[in-house]
Protein backbone atom coordinates (compact mmCIF):
# COMPACT_ATOMS: atom_id res chain seq x y z
CA MET A 1 56.77 50.98 98.56
CA SER A 2 56.24 47.55 97.09
CA PRO A 3 54.23 45.29 99.37
CA ALA A 4 56.92 42.65 99.40
CA ALA A 5 60.11 44.72 99.38
CA THR A 6 61.73 47.15 101.77
CA GLY A 7 64.92 48.93 100.82
CA GLY A 8 65.59 46.45 98.02
CA ARG A 9 65.13 43.48 100.36
CA ARG A 10 62.14 41.19 100.68
CA CYS A 11 59.95 42.02 103.66
CA PRO A 12 60.23 39.15 106.16
CA PHE A 13 56.79 39.80 107.64
CA CYS A 14 55.16 39.79 104.19
CA ALA A 15 56.87 36.44 103.57
CA ILE A 16 55.39 35.11 106.83
CA ALA A 17 51.95 36.51 105.95
CA ASN A 18 51.94 34.93 102.50
CA GLY A 19 53.28 31.59 103.75
CA THR A 20 56.67 31.66 102.03
CA ALA A 21 58.67 31.93 105.28
CA PRO A 22 58.32 29.77 108.37
CA ALA A 23 56.89 31.25 111.55
CA ARG A 24 55.31 30.17 114.80
CA ILE A 25 51.91 31.67 113.96
CA VAL A 26 49.59 31.63 116.97
CA TRP A 27 46.58 33.56 115.60
CA ARG A 28 45.32 34.86 112.27
CA ASN A 29 42.31 36.46 110.65
CA THR A 30 41.88 38.01 107.20
CA THR A 31 43.66 41.28 108.04
CA ASN A 32 46.19 40.53 110.79
CA LEU A 33 48.27 37.73 112.21
CA ALA A 34 50.27 37.04 115.35
CA PHE A 35 53.44 35.02 115.72
CA ILE A 36 56.33 34.38 118.10
CA PRO A 37 59.46 36.26 116.94
CA ASP A 38 62.60 34.20 116.25
CA VAL A 39 64.34 35.88 119.21
CA PRO A 40 61.68 36.74 121.79
CA ALA A 41 62.62 39.00 124.70
CA VAL A 42 60.79 36.62 127.06
CA LEU A 43 58.66 33.52 126.59
CA GLY A 44 55.22 34.58 125.39
CA HIS A 45 56.55 37.64 123.49
CA THR A 46 54.29 37.85 120.44
CA LEU A 47 54.15 40.13 117.38
CA VAL A 48 50.87 41.29 115.84
CA VAL A 49 51.21 42.44 112.23
CA PRO A 50 48.91 43.44 109.38
CA VAL A 51 48.76 40.81 106.63
CA ALA A 52 49.10 43.57 104.00
CA HIS A 53 52.40 45.45 103.88
CA VAL A 54 52.20 48.61 105.97
CA GLN A 55 55.54 50.28 106.68
CA ASP A 56 54.69 52.19 109.84
CA ILE A 57 51.86 53.85 111.75
CA TRP A 58 51.69 56.74 109.26
CA ASP A 59 51.12 54.26 106.41
CA LEU A 60 48.09 52.78 108.21
CA ASP A 61 44.55 53.83 107.24
CA GLU A 62 41.82 54.19 109.88
CA SER A 63 40.02 50.95 109.03
CA ALA A 64 43.24 48.93 109.17
CA GLY A 65 44.15 50.74 112.39
CA ARG A 66 40.91 49.68 114.04
CA ALA A 67 41.41 46.10 112.85
CA LEU A 68 44.99 46.09 114.20
CA ALA A 69 43.82 47.46 117.55
CA ASP A 70 41.14 44.73 117.77
CA ALA A 71 43.68 42.04 116.85
CA THR A 72 46.16 43.38 119.39
CA LEU A 73 43.54 43.23 122.15
CA THR A 74 42.52 39.69 121.17
CA VAL A 75 46.11 38.45 121.17
CA ALA A 76 46.96 40.38 124.38
CA ASN A 77 44.15 38.51 126.13
CA GLY A 78 45.57 35.23 124.86
CA VAL A 79 49.08 36.15 126.01
CA ARG A 80 47.66 37.01 129.44
CA ARG A 81 45.92 33.63 129.74
CA ALA A 82 48.85 31.63 128.35
CA CYS A 83 51.51 33.33 130.47
CA GLY A 84 49.49 33.74 133.65
CA THR A 85 50.46 37.38 134.14
CA ASP A 86 48.60 40.64 134.55
CA ALA A 87 51.58 42.69 133.33
CA LEU A 88 52.25 43.41 129.66
CA ASN A 89 54.19 45.89 127.56
CA VAL A 90 52.60 46.87 124.26
CA ILE A 91 55.43 48.28 122.13
CA GLN A 92 55.08 49.71 118.64
CA SER A 93 58.07 51.56 117.14
CA ASN A 94 58.18 53.70 113.98
CA GLY A 95 61.42 54.57 112.21
CA ALA A 96 65.00 53.53 112.80
CA ALA A 97 65.59 56.17 115.51
CA ALA A 98 62.70 54.64 117.48
CA GLY A 99 64.16 51.15 117.17
CA GLN A 100 62.10 49.83 114.24
CA SER A 101 64.29 47.20 112.57
CA VAL A 102 61.71 45.50 110.33
CA PHE A 103 59.90 48.09 108.25
CA HIS A 104 56.53 46.36 108.32
CA LEU A 105 54.28 47.71 111.06
CA HIS A 106 54.24 45.40 114.06
CA VAL A 107 53.10 45.48 117.67
CA HIS A 108 55.15 43.69 120.33
CA LEU A 109 53.19 42.13 123.17
CA VAL A 110 55.70 41.37 125.92
CA PRO A 111 54.38 39.65 129.05
CA ARG A 112 56.10 40.92 132.18
CA MET A 113 56.87 39.28 135.51
CA ASP A 114 58.48 40.76 138.59
CA GLY A 115 62.21 40.14 138.31
CA GLY A 116 61.98 39.31 134.58
CA ARG A 117 64.87 39.96 132.20
CA MET A 118 63.26 43.00 130.55
CA PRO A 119 64.47 46.32 131.99
CA ARG A 120 62.26 49.19 133.07
CA LEU A 121 61.40 51.31 130.03
CA TRP A 122 61.15 54.85 131.43
CA PRO A 123 64.30 56.73 132.40
CA ALA A 124 64.31 57.60 136.08
CA ASP A 125 65.61 61.10 135.33
CA ALA A 126 62.89 62.08 132.82
CA THR A 127 62.00 65.40 134.44
CA TRP A 128 60.96 68.54 132.59
CA SER A 129 60.09 72.04 133.70
CA SER A 130 56.44 73.13 133.71
CA GLU A 131 57.31 75.65 131.01
CA ARG A 132 58.73 72.99 128.68
CA LEU A 133 55.74 70.71 129.31
CA ASP A 134 53.31 73.60 128.62
CA ALA A 135 55.16 74.48 125.39
CA SER A 136 55.09 70.85 124.27
CA ALA A 137 51.35 70.63 124.98
CA GLU A 138 50.75 73.81 122.98
CA LEU A 139 52.67 72.45 119.98
CA LEU A 140 50.64 69.24 120.10
CA ARG A 141 47.33 71.12 120.38
CA ALA A 142 48.29 73.22 117.34
CA ALA A 143 49.22 70.11 115.34
CA LEU A 144 46.02 68.28 116.33
CA GLY A 145 43.61 71.20 116.08
CA ARG A 146 42.28 73.22 118.95
CA MET A 147 40.20 71.44 121.56
CA PRO A 148 36.67 72.81 121.91
């Protein structure tokens, strides 16, 4: 995929990264940047994105992944200090079915407060039988390679 286009449209995060679109940038280095989204879930909600166009986690190489993880930790510490909270959701979605709406890899850092407007994320009825959990673990082990 072209670094500046997604589905025939210009990538809004590439435009922010290259300075052709406005953004409330709060942090930047040579490989990643962080900015406040136009419609944050709560005050302090910040996005961390690679400067280079990367569509999703599977388009990310190991070096860029390490750099993104380092940037995410740096910005998360800043969000913690700025918002005065010890609660934070780190959300990274891949693909439309997972809720990805901008197809440029991004990590949401969402500070949380008791009684805040963000809902709980885990369904209360997420229960599975031991057999289904064991089968799922076996599939993952096979896909990842056997553990020693």
